[in-house]
Amino acid sequence: MSRPLLAAAFLLVAGASAGLAQDASGPKNGPTPVPGTPATLNNDLRPTFVAQEPSDLMASKMIGQSIVNGANESIGSVADIVLGPDLAVKSYVVGVGGFLGLGTKYVSVAKEALQVTRVDDKTLKAVINTDKDQLRAAPEYVYLGQQPAKADAPKAGAQATDTSKPDVPAATGTTTTQPAQQ
């Protein structure tokens, strides 16, 4: 059992030393070898890494941040941050009212309306020049995926059809495109 292992080790050492001897005795007048580089990672495609600066604000620290007014009254909290196409902050979505997330109204305020400052290395302070009543009176911010369907859209298919039988053709002679029930 140990003889095959010993023989394999001997062949490995002999092969490695032969390879080193060949590299050392290579052609002296030939071109100098160029070290290989990956074809897809030239300097144009390498990512740029950035270290955090003490003045940088993290979005993860902004979400949930309490917002106070000039009288130091808590009037809401940052629920989300809206970015424009250039990835710059466009506005802040502020949650107003409610209790434990129930009944909270969301409004969007311009980025200039919210002044965010550092109190110390770990604490931020967000101040807005308004009160709770003004925020409650503002139009509600509705996320695109949560917008209600337009009231006039279903009128085109509002003919008399029996919705309790989805596989039955409509009264106009057309067939429905609903999948078969299993």
N, C-alpha and C. Protein backbone atom coordinates (compact mmCIF):
# COMPACT_ATOMS: atom_id res chain seq x y z
N MET A 1 0.81 -1.19 0.00
CA MET A 1 0.00 0.00 0.00
C MET A 1 0.86 1.26 0.00
N SER A 2 1.96 1.20 0.75
CA SER A 2 2.82 2.37 0.83
C SER A 2 3.74 2.49 -0.38
N ARG A 3 4.02 1.37 -1.09
CA ARG A 3 4.87 1.43 -2.29
C ARG A 3 4.23 2.25 -3.40
N PRO A 4 2.91 2.07 -3.72
CA PRO A 4 2.32 2.92 -4.76
C PRO A 4 2.32 4.40 -4.35
N LEU A 5 2.10 4.67 -3.09
CA LEU A 5 2.10 6.06 -2.61
C LEU A 5 3.50 6.65 -2.74
N LEU A 6 4.52 5.87 -2.39
CA LEU A 6 5.90 6.33 -2.50
C LEU A 6 6.28 6.55 -3.97
N ALA A 7 5.84 5.65 -4.83
CA ALA A 7 6.14 5.79 -6.25
C ALA A 7 5.47 7.03 -6.83
N ALA A 8 4.23 7.30 -6.43
CA ALA A 8 3.52 8.49 -6.91
C ALA A 8 4.22 9.76 -6.45
N ALA A 9 4.68 9.79 -5.21
CA ALA A 9 5.39 10.96 -4.69
C ALA A 9 6.68 11.17 -5.46
N PHE A 10 7.40 10.08 -5.76
CA PHE A 10 8.65 10.18 -6.51
C PHE A 10 8.41 10.76 -7.90
N LEU A 11 7.34 10.26 -8.58
CA LEU A 11 7.04 10.77 -9.92
C LEU A 11 6.64 12.24 -9.90
N LEU A 12 5.93 12.64 -8.86
CA LEU A 12 5.50 14.03 -8.74
C LEU A 12 6.70 14.95 -8.57
N VAL A 13 7.66 14.56 -7.71
CA VAL A 13 8.85 15.37 -7.49
C VAL A 13 9.71 15.40 -8.75
N ALA A 14 9.85 14.27 -9.41
CA ALA A 14 10.67 14.22 -10.62
C ALA A 14 10.05 15.08 -11.72
N GLY A 15 8.76 15.03 -11.88
CA GLY A 15 8.09 15.84 -12.90
C GLY A 15 8.22 17.32 -12.62
N ALA A 16 8.09 17.71 -11.37
CA ALA A 16 8.20 19.13 -11.01
C ALA A 16 9.59 19.64 -11.26
N SER A 17 10.61 18.86 -10.91
CA SER A 17 11.99 19.31 -11.11
C SER A 17 12.33 19.37 -12.60
N ALA A 18 11.79 18.46 -13.40
CA ALA A 18 12.03 18.50 -14.84
C ALA A 18 11.39 19.74 -15.45
N GLY A 19 10.22 20.09 -14.96
CA GLY A 19 9.54 21.29 -15.47
C GLY A 19 10.31 22.54 -15.13
N LEU A 20 10.87 22.62 -13.93
CA LEU A 20 11.66 23.78 -13.55
C LEU A 20 12.94 23.87 -14.37
N ALA A 21 13.57 22.72 -14.61
CA ALA A 21 14.79 22.72 -15.42
C ALA A 21 14.50 23.16 -16.84
N GLN A 22 13.37 22.79 -17.38
CA GLN A 22 13.02 23.18 -18.75
C GLN A 22 12.81 24.68 -18.84
N ASP A 23 12.10 25.29 -17.82
CA ASP A 23 11.87 26.73 -17.83
C ASP A 23 13.18 27.49 -17.77
N ALA A 24 14.14 26.99 -16.98
CA ALA A 24 15.42 27.68 -16.83
C ALA A 24 16.26 27.60 -18.10
N SER A 25 16.10 26.54 -18.87
CA SER A 25 16.91 26.38 -20.08
C SER A 25 16.14 26.76 -21.34
N GLY A 26 15.13 27.57 -21.23
CA GLY A 26 14.32 27.97 -22.37
C GLY A 26 15.11 28.81 -23.34
N PRO A 27 14.50 29.20 -24.46
CA PRO A 27 15.23 29.96 -25.48
C PRO A 27 15.66 31.32 -24.96
N LYS A 28 16.93 31.66 -25.19
CA LYS A 28 17.47 32.92 -24.69
C LYS A 28 17.16 34.07 -25.64
N ASN A 29 17.03 33.79 -26.91
CA ASN A 29 16.84 34.84 -27.90
C ASN A 29 15.37 35.06 -28.27
N GLY A 30 14.45 34.27 -27.71
CA GLY A 30 13.04 34.37 -28.06
C GLY A 30 12.36 35.53 -27.36
N PRO A 31 11.07 35.75 -27.65
CA PRO A 31 10.33 36.85 -27.02
C PRO A 31 10.15 36.60 -25.52
N THR A 32 10.07 37.66 -24.76
CA THR A 32 9.86 37.58 -23.33
C THR A 32 8.39 37.25 -23.08
N PRO A 33 8.13 36.23 -22.26
CA PRO A 33 6.73 35.88 -22.01
C PRO A 33 6.00 36.99 -21.26
N VAL A 34 4.73 37.20 -21.62
CA VAL A 34 3.88 38.21 -20.99
C VAL A 34 2.93 37.50 -20.04
N PRO A 35 2.83 37.97 -18.79
CA PRO A 35 1.89 37.32 -17.87
C PRO A 35 0.46 37.46 -18.38
N GLY A 36 -0.31 36.40 -18.21
CA GLY A 36 -1.69 36.40 -18.67
C GLY A 36 -2.60 37.22 -17.77
N THR A 37 -3.59 37.86 -18.36
CA THR A 37 -4.61 38.59 -17.62
C THR A 37 -5.98 38.14 -18.11
N PRO A 38 -6.95 38.12 -17.24
CA PRO A 38 -8.29 37.75 -17.69
C PRO A 38 -8.80 38.70 -18.76
N ALA A 39 -9.41 38.16 -19.78
CA ALA A 39 -9.84 38.96 -20.93
C ALA A 39 -10.96 39.92 -20.59
N THR A 40 -11.78 39.63 -19.59
CA THR A 40 -12.94 40.47 -19.32
C THR A 40 -12.71 41.49 -18.22
N LEU A 41 -11.55 41.51 -17.61
CA LEU A 41 -11.33 42.45 -16.51
C LEU A 41 -10.25 43.47 -16.85
N ASN A 42 -10.43 44.21 -17.93
CA ASN A 42 -9.49 45.29 -18.19
C ASN A 42 -9.86 46.46 -17.28
N ASN A 43 -9.07 47.49 -17.26
CA ASN A 43 -9.28 48.58 -16.31
C ASN A 43 -10.60 49.32 -16.52
N ASP A 44 -11.17 49.26 -17.73
CA ASP A 44 -12.44 49.93 -17.99
C ASP A 44 -13.60 49.24 -17.29
N LEU A 45 -13.48 47.95 -17.06
CA LEU A 45 -14.60 47.19 -16.50
C LEU A 45 -14.47 46.92 -15.01
N ARG A 46 -13.37 47.29 -14.41
CA ARG A 46 -13.19 47.02 -12.98
C ARG A 46 -14.09 47.94 -12.18
N PRO A 47 -14.69 47.41 -11.11
CA PRO A 47 -15.54 48.26 -10.27
C PRO A 47 -14.69 49.24 -9.46
N THR A 48 -15.30 50.34 -9.11
CA THR A 48 -14.64 51.31 -8.25
C THR A 48 -15.20 51.15 -6.85
N PHE A 49 -14.35 50.89 -5.91
CA PHE A 49 -14.77 50.68 -4.54
C PHE A 49 -14.62 51.98 -3.77
N VAL A 50 -15.60 52.29 -2.94
CA VAL A 50 -15.63 53.56 -2.22
C VAL A 50 -15.77 53.27 -0.73
N ALA A 51 -14.95 53.91 0.06
CA ALA A 51 -15.06 53.78 1.51
C ALA A 51 -16.06 54.80 2.04
N GLN A 52 -16.72 54.47 3.13
CA GLN A 52 -17.70 55.37 3.72
C GLN A 52 -16.99 56.55 4.38
N GLU A 53 -17.51 57.74 4.12
CA GLU A 53 -17.00 58.97 4.72
C GLU A 53 -17.82 59.27 5.97
N PRO A 54 -17.25 59.98 6.93
CA PRO A 54 -18.02 60.33 8.13
C PRO A 54 -19.26 61.18 7.84
N SER A 55 -19.26 61.92 6.73
CA SER A 55 -20.41 62.76 6.39
C SER A 55 -21.48 62.01 5.61
N ASP A 56 -21.23 60.78 5.19
CA ASP A 56 -22.20 60.01 4.41
C ASP A 56 -23.39 59.61 5.27
N LEU A 57 -24.57 59.62 4.67
CA LEU A 57 -25.79 59.16 5.32
C LEU A 57 -26.21 57.85 4.69
N MET A 58 -26.54 56.88 5.49
CA MET A 58 -26.95 55.57 4.99
C MET A 58 -28.47 55.51 4.92
N ALA A 59 -29.00 54.99 3.81
CA ALA A 59 -30.45 54.86 3.67
C ALA A 59 -31.02 53.96 4.76
N SER A 60 -30.28 52.93 5.14
CA SER A 60 -30.76 52.02 6.18
C SER A 60 -30.92 52.71 7.52
N LYS A 61 -30.16 53.77 7.76
CA LYS A 61 -30.28 54.54 9.01
C LYS A 61 -31.38 55.59 8.89
N MET A 62 -31.73 55.97 7.65
CA MET A 62 -32.78 56.97 7.46
C MET A 62 -34.17 56.36 7.59
N ILE A 63 -34.34 55.13 7.09
CA ILE A 63 -35.66 54.49 7.16
C ILE A 63 -35.99 54.25 8.64
N GLY A 64 -37.13 54.76 9.05
CA GLY A 64 -37.55 54.63 10.44
C GLY A 64 -37.14 55.81 11.31
N GLN A 65 -36.34 56.71 10.75
CA GLN A 65 -35.88 57.88 11.51
C GLN A 65 -37.06 58.75 11.90
N SER A 66 -37.16 59.11 13.15
CA SER A 66 -38.22 59.98 13.64
C SER A 66 -38.01 61.39 13.11
N ILE A 67 -39.11 62.04 12.74
CA ILE A 67 -39.05 63.41 12.23
C ILE A 67 -39.71 64.33 13.24
N VAL A 68 -39.05 65.42 13.56
CA VAL A 68 -39.60 66.40 14.50
C VAL A 68 -39.79 67.72 13.77
N ASN A 69 -40.64 68.57 14.35
CA ASN A 69 -40.81 69.91 13.78
C ASN A 69 -39.96 70.90 14.57
N GLY A 70 -40.09 72.18 14.29
CA GLY A 70 -39.31 73.21 14.96
C GLY A 70 -39.52 73.26 16.45
N ALA A 71 -40.70 72.82 16.93
CA ALA A 71 -41.00 72.80 18.36
C ALA A 71 -40.53 71.50 19.01
N ASN A 72 -39.75 70.70 18.28
CA ASN A 72 -39.21 69.42 18.74
C ASN A 72 -40.31 68.40 19.06
N GLU A 73 -41.46 68.50 18.36
CA GLU A 73 -42.55 67.53 18.51
C GLU A 73 -42.39 66.47 17.43
N SER A 74 -42.50 65.21 17.81
CA SER A 74 -42.41 64.13 16.83
C SER A 74 -43.69 64.13 15.99
N ILE A 75 -43.52 64.22 14.66
CA ILE A 75 -44.71 64.31 13.81
C ILE A 75 -44.77 63.19 12.77
N GLY A 76 -43.81 62.31 12.75
CA GLY A 76 -43.82 61.21 11.80
C GLY A 76 -42.47 60.54 11.73
N SER A 77 -42.30 59.68 10.73
CA SER A 77 -41.02 59.01 10.54
C SER A 77 -40.80 58.75 9.06
N VAL A 78 -39.55 58.60 8.68
CA VAL A 78 -39.20 58.32 7.29
C VAL A 78 -39.57 56.87 7.01
N ALA A 79 -40.48 56.65 6.07
CA ALA A 79 -40.91 55.30 5.70
C ALA A 79 -40.17 54.79 4.48
N ASP A 80 -39.74 55.70 3.61
CA ASP A 80 -39.07 55.28 2.38
C ASP A 80 -38.34 56.49 1.78
N ILE A 81 -37.46 56.20 0.85
CA ILE A 81 -36.73 57.25 0.15
C ILE A 81 -36.97 57.04 -1.34
N VAL A 82 -37.41 58.08 -2.04
CA VAL A 82 -37.70 58.00 -3.47
C VAL A 82 -36.48 58.54 -4.22
N LEU A 83 -35.96 57.73 -5.14
CA LEU A 83 -34.83 58.14 -5.97
C LEU A 83 -35.30 58.45 -7.37
N GLY A 84 -34.71 59.45 -7.98
CA GLY A 84 -35.04 59.79 -9.36
C GLY A 84 -34.25 58.91 -10.32
N PRO A 85 -34.42 59.11 -11.63
CA PRO A 85 -33.71 58.31 -12.62
C PRO A 85 -32.19 58.42 -12.51
N ASP A 86 -31.70 59.54 -11.96
CA ASP A 86 -30.26 59.73 -11.80
C ASP A 86 -29.76 59.17 -10.47
N LEU A 87 -30.65 58.48 -9.74
CA LEU A 87 -30.37 57.85 -8.44
C LEU A 87 -30.10 58.86 -7.33
N ALA A 88 -30.43 60.12 -7.54
CA ALA A 88 -30.34 61.12 -6.49
C ALA A 88 -31.66 61.11 -5.71
N VAL A 89 -31.62 61.51 -4.43
CA VAL A 89 -32.83 61.55 -3.62
C VAL A 89 -33.79 62.57 -4.21
N LYS A 90 -35.01 62.12 -4.49
CA LYS A 90 -36.05 62.98 -5.05
C LYS A 90 -36.98 63.47 -3.95
N SER A 91 -37.38 62.54 -3.07
CA SER A 91 -38.27 62.91 -1.97
C SER A 91 -38.19 61.86 -0.88
N TYR A 92 -38.81 62.17 0.25
CA TYR A 92 -38.91 61.24 1.36
C TYR A 92 -40.37 60.90 1.57
N VAL A 93 -40.67 59.62 1.76
CA VAL A 93 -42.03 59.20 2.10
C VAL A 93 -42.10 59.18 3.61
N VAL A 94 -43.04 59.95 4.16
CA VAL A 94 -43.16 60.12 5.59
C VAL A 94 -44.44 59.44 6.07
N GLY A 95 -44.34 58.63 7.11
CA GLY A 95 -45.50 58.01 7.74
C GLY A 95 -46.01 58.91 8.84
N VAL A 96 -47.30 59.23 8.78
CA VAL A 96 -47.92 60.15 9.74
C VAL A 96 -49.09 59.47 10.42
N GLY A 97 -49.21 59.67 11.71
CA GLY A 97 -50.35 59.15 12.46
C GLY A 97 -50.31 57.65 12.60
N GLY A 98 -51.41 57.09 13.00
CA GLY A 98 -51.50 55.65 13.17
C GLY A 98 -50.88 55.20 14.47
N PHE A 99 -51.06 53.92 14.73
CA PHE A 99 -50.50 53.31 15.93
C PHE A 99 -49.96 51.94 15.56
N LEU A 100 -48.69 51.73 15.78
CA LEU A 100 -48.02 50.47 15.43
C LEU A 100 -48.24 50.09 13.97
N GLY A 101 -48.22 51.07 13.09
CA GLY A 101 -48.36 50.81 11.66
C GLY A 101 -49.79 50.75 11.16
N LEU A 102 -50.76 50.72 12.05
CA LEU A 102 -52.18 50.68 11.64
C LEU A 102 -52.71 52.10 11.53
N GLY A 103 -53.31 52.41 10.39
CA GLY A 103 -53.88 53.73 10.18
C GLY A 103 -52.86 54.78 9.81
N THR A 104 -51.65 54.39 9.49
CA THR A 104 -50.61 55.34 9.11
C THR A 104 -50.87 55.84 7.69
N LYS A 105 -50.76 57.14 7.52
CA LYS A 105 -50.90 57.75 6.21
C LYS A 105 -49.50 58.08 5.71
N TYR A 106 -49.24 57.82 4.43
CA TYR A 106 -47.94 58.11 3.85
C TYR A 106 -48.04 59.28 2.90
N VAL A 107 -47.17 60.26 3.09
CA VAL A 107 -47.10 61.42 2.22
C VAL A 107 -45.65 61.59 1.77
N SER A 108 -45.48 62.17 0.59
CA SER A 108 -44.14 62.39 0.06
C SER A 108 -43.80 63.87 0.20
N VAL A 109 -42.63 64.13 0.80
CA VAL A 109 -42.17 65.52 0.95
C VAL A 109 -40.88 65.69 0.14
N ALA A 110 -40.71 66.86 -0.42
CA ALA A 110 -39.52 67.15 -1.22
C ALA A 110 -38.27 67.02 -0.36
N LYS A 111 -37.17 66.65 -0.97
CA LYS A 111 -35.94 66.45 -0.21
C LYS A 111 -35.49 67.74 0.47
N GLU A 112 -35.81 68.89 -0.12
CA GLU A 112 -35.42 70.16 0.48
C GLU A 112 -36.23 70.48 1.74
N ALA A 113 -37.40 69.85 1.91
CA ALA A 113 -38.25 70.13 3.06
C ALA A 113 -37.76 69.46 4.33
N LEU A 114 -36.92 68.45 4.20
CA LEU A 114 -36.45 67.69 5.36
C LEU A 114 -34.96 67.97 5.56
N GLN A 115 -34.63 68.56 6.71
CA GLN A 115 -33.23 68.83 7.02
C GLN A 115 -32.73 67.71 7.93
N VAL A 116 -31.73 66.97 7.44
CA VAL A 116 -31.16 65.87 8.20
C VAL A 116 -29.75 66.28 8.64
N THR A 117 -29.51 66.20 9.93
CA THR A 117 -28.20 66.54 10.49
C THR A 117 -27.72 65.43 11.40
N ARG A 118 -26.43 65.41 11.64
CA ARG A 118 -25.84 64.46 12.58
C ARG A 118 -25.75 65.09 13.95
N VAL A 119 -26.26 64.38 14.95
CA VAL A 119 -26.13 64.83 16.33
C VAL A 119 -24.76 64.38 16.85
N ASP A 120 -24.42 63.13 16.59
CA ASP A 120 -23.10 62.56 16.90
C ASP A 120 -22.81 61.46 15.89
N ASP A 121 -21.81 60.63 16.15
CA ASP A 121 -21.42 59.60 15.19
C ASP A 121 -22.52 58.59 14.90
N LYS A 122 -23.44 58.39 15.84
CA LYS A 122 -24.47 57.35 15.68
C LYS A 122 -25.88 57.89 15.54
N THR A 123 -26.11 59.15 15.80
CA THR A 123 -27.46 59.69 15.87
C THR A 123 -27.71 60.73 14.79
N LEU A 124 -28.83 60.58 14.10
CA LEU A 124 -29.28 61.56 13.11
C LEU A 124 -30.49 62.30 13.67
N LYS A 125 -30.70 63.51 13.17
CA LYS A 125 -31.89 64.28 13.53
C LYS A 125 -32.52 64.80 12.25
N ALA A 126 -33.82 64.52 12.07
CA ALA A 126 -34.56 64.97 10.90
C ALA A 126 -35.60 65.99 11.34
N VAL A 127 -35.54 67.17 10.75
CA VAL A 127 -36.43 68.27 11.12
C VAL A 127 -37.16 68.74 9.88
N ILE A 128 -38.47 68.99 10.03
CA ILE A 128 -39.29 69.52 8.95
C ILE A 128 -40.08 70.70 9.48
N ASN A 129 -40.29 71.70 8.66
CA ASN A 129 -40.99 72.91 9.07
C ASN A 129 -42.49 72.77 8.76
N THR A 130 -43.16 71.93 9.52
CA THR A 130 -44.61 71.73 9.37
C THR A 130 -45.12 71.08 10.65
N ASP A 131 -46.40 70.76 10.67
CA ASP A 131 -46.95 70.05 11.83
C ASP A 131 -47.73 68.82 11.36
N LYS A 132 -48.21 68.04 12.32
CA LYS A 132 -48.91 66.79 11.98
C LYS A 132 -50.16 67.05 11.15
N ASP A 133 -50.89 68.10 11.49
CA ASP A 133 -52.14 68.39 10.78
C ASP A 133 -51.88 68.70 9.30
N GLN A 134 -50.82 69.43 9.00
CA GLN A 134 -50.50 69.74 7.60
C GLN A 134 -50.11 68.47 6.86
N LEU A 135 -49.35 67.58 7.52
CA LEU A 135 -48.97 66.33 6.87
C LEU A 135 -50.19 65.43 6.65
N ARG A 136 -51.09 65.40 7.62
CA ARG A 136 -52.32 64.58 7.46
C ARG A 136 -53.19 65.11 6.32
N ALA A 137 -53.16 66.44 6.10
CA ALA A 137 -53.99 67.05 5.06
C ALA A 137 -53.35 66.91 3.67
N ALA A 138 -52.08 66.54 3.60
CA ALA A 138 -51.39 66.40 2.32
C ALA A 138 -51.93 65.20 1.56
N PRO A 139 -51.80 65.20 0.23
CA PRO A 139 -52.26 64.05 -0.55
C PRO A 139 -51.46 62.79 -0.18
N GLU A 140 -52.16 61.68 -0.14
CA GLU A 140 -51.52 60.42 0.23
C GLU A 140 -50.60 59.94 -0.87
N TYR A 141 -49.45 59.42 -0.48
CA TYR A 141 -48.49 58.85 -1.44
C TYR A 141 -48.90 57.41 -1.69
N VAL A 142 -49.13 57.07 -2.94
CA VAL A 142 -49.56 55.72 -3.30
C VAL A 142 -48.47 55.11 -4.18
N TYR A 143 -47.93 53.98 -3.75
CA TYR A 143 -46.93 53.28 -4.54
C TYR A 143 -47.56 52.80 -5.84
N LEU A 144 -46.80 52.76 -6.93
CA LEU A 144 -47.34 52.40 -8.24
C LEU A 144 -48.05 51.05 -8.24
N GLY A 145 -47.50 50.06 -7.60
CA GLY A 145 -48.11 48.73 -7.57
C GLY A 145 -49.36 48.66 -6.71
N GLN A 146 -49.63 49.69 -5.92
CA GLN A 146 -50.79 49.68 -5.03
C GLN A 146 -51.88 50.64 -5.46
N GLN A 147 -51.77 51.21 -6.65
CA GLN A 147 -52.79 52.15 -7.11
C GLN A 147 -54.07 51.39 -7.42
N PRO A 148 -55.22 51.94 -7.03
CA PRO A 148 -56.47 51.27 -7.36
C PRO A 148 -56.73 51.32 -8.86
N ALA A 149 -57.46 50.34 -9.35
CA ALA A 149 -57.81 50.29 -10.77
C ALA A 149 -58.68 51.49 -11.11
N LYS A 150 -58.52 52.00 -12.33
CA LYS A 150 -59.32 53.15 -12.75
C LYS A 150 -60.78 52.74 -12.86
N ALA A 151 -61.67 53.64 -12.47
CA ALA A 151 -63.10 53.34 -12.41
C ALA A 151 -63.69 53.12 -13.80
N ASP A 152 -63.16 53.79 -14.83
CA ASP A 152 -63.77 53.68 -16.16
C ASP A 152 -63.19 52.51 -16.97
N ALA A 153 -62.18 51.81 -16.50
CA ALA A 153 -61.58 50.72 -17.27
C ALA A 153 -62.50 49.51 -17.44
N PRO A 154 -63.25 49.05 -16.43
CA PRO A 154 -64.05 47.84 -16.63
C PRO A 154 -65.32 48.06 -17.44
N LYS A 155 -65.64 49.28 -17.88
CA LYS A 155 -66.89 49.52 -18.60
C LYS A 155 -66.93 48.80 -19.93
N ALA A 156 -65.80 48.55 -20.56
CA ALA A 156 -65.78 47.90 -21.87
C ALA A 156 -66.31 46.48 -21.78
N GLY A 157 -66.02 45.77 -20.71
CA GLY A 157 -66.49 44.39 -20.55
C GLY A 157 -67.65 44.28 -19.60
N ALA A 158 -68.42 45.33 -19.43
CA ALA A 158 -69.49 45.35 -18.44
C ALA A 158 -70.81 44.83 -19.01
N GLN A 159 -70.77 44.05 -20.09
CA GLN A 159 -72.00 43.50 -20.63
C GLN A 159 -72.52 42.43 -19.70
N ALA A 160 -73.74 42.02 -19.91
CA ALA A 160 -74.37 41.04 -19.02
C ALA A 160 -73.74 39.68 -19.23
N THR A 161 -72.88 39.32 -18.31
CA THR A 161 -72.28 37.99 -18.34
C THR A 161 -72.48 37.34 -17.00
N ASP A 162 -72.56 36.05 -17.00
CA ASP A 162 -72.75 35.31 -15.77
C ASP A 162 -71.37 34.96 -15.22
N THR A 163 -70.96 35.62 -14.13
CA THR A 163 -69.64 35.39 -13.57
C THR A 163 -69.57 34.12 -12.76
N SER A 164 -70.69 33.50 -12.46
CA SER A 164 -70.64 32.27 -11.67
C SER A 164 -70.25 31.08 -12.54
N LYS A 165 -70.31 31.22 -13.88
CA LYS A 165 -69.94 30.16 -14.81
C LYS A 165 -68.86 30.69 -15.74
N PRO A 166 -67.57 30.63 -15.34
CA PRO A 166 -66.52 31.26 -16.13
C PRO A 166 -66.26 30.60 -17.48
N ASP A 167 -66.64 29.35 -17.72
CA ASP A 167 -66.33 28.69 -18.98
C ASP A 167 -67.47 28.79 -19.99
N VAL A 168 -68.53 29.49 -19.65
CA VAL A 168 -69.67 29.64 -20.54
C VAL A 168 -69.43 30.85 -21.43
N PRO A 169 -69.65 30.74 -22.74
CA PRO A 169 -69.45 31.90 -23.63
C PRO A 169 -70.35 33.06 -23.24
N ALA A 170 -69.90 34.26 -23.51
CA ALA A 170 -70.68 35.46 -23.22
C ALA A 170 -71.88 35.53 -24.15
N ALA A 171 -72.80 36.42 -23.84
CA ALA A 171 -74.04 36.53 -24.61
C ALA A 171 -73.79 37.01 -26.03
N THR A 172 -72.65 37.62 -26.31
CA THR A 172 -72.39 38.15 -27.64
C THR A 172 -71.85 37.11 -28.60
N GLY A 173 -71.61 35.90 -28.14
CA GLY A 173 -71.11 34.84 -29.01
C GLY A 173 -69.61 34.68 -28.94
N THR A 174 -68.94 35.49 -28.13
CA THR A 174 -67.50 35.36 -27.97
C THR A 174 -67.21 34.39 -26.84
N THR A 175 -66.04 33.84 -26.85
CA THR A 175 -65.68 32.92 -25.78
C THR A 175 -64.79 33.63 -24.78
N THR A 176 -64.82 33.18 -23.55
CA THR A 176 -63.99 33.79 -22.52
C THR A 176 -62.59 33.22 -22.60
N THR A 177 -61.62 33.96 -22.10
CA THR A 177 -60.22 33.52 -22.14
C THR A 177 -59.74 33.09 -20.77
N GLN A 178 -60.64 32.76 -19.88
CA GLN A 178 -60.21 32.35 -18.55
C GLN A 178 -59.74 30.91 -18.59
N PRO A 179 -58.73 30.56 -17.77
CA PRO A 179 -58.24 29.18 -17.77
C PRO A 179 -59.27 28.23 -17.18
N ALA A 180 -59.19 26.99 -17.59
CA ALA A 180 -60.11 25.98 -17.07
C ALA A 180 -59.82 25.73 -15.61
N GLN A 181 -60.86 25.52 -14.84
CA GLN A 181 -60.69 25.26 -13.42
C GLN A 181 -60.34 23.81 -13.21
N GLN A 182 -59.48 23.55 -12.24
CA GLN A 182 -59.07 22.18 -11.96
C GLN A 182 -59.66 21.70 -10.68
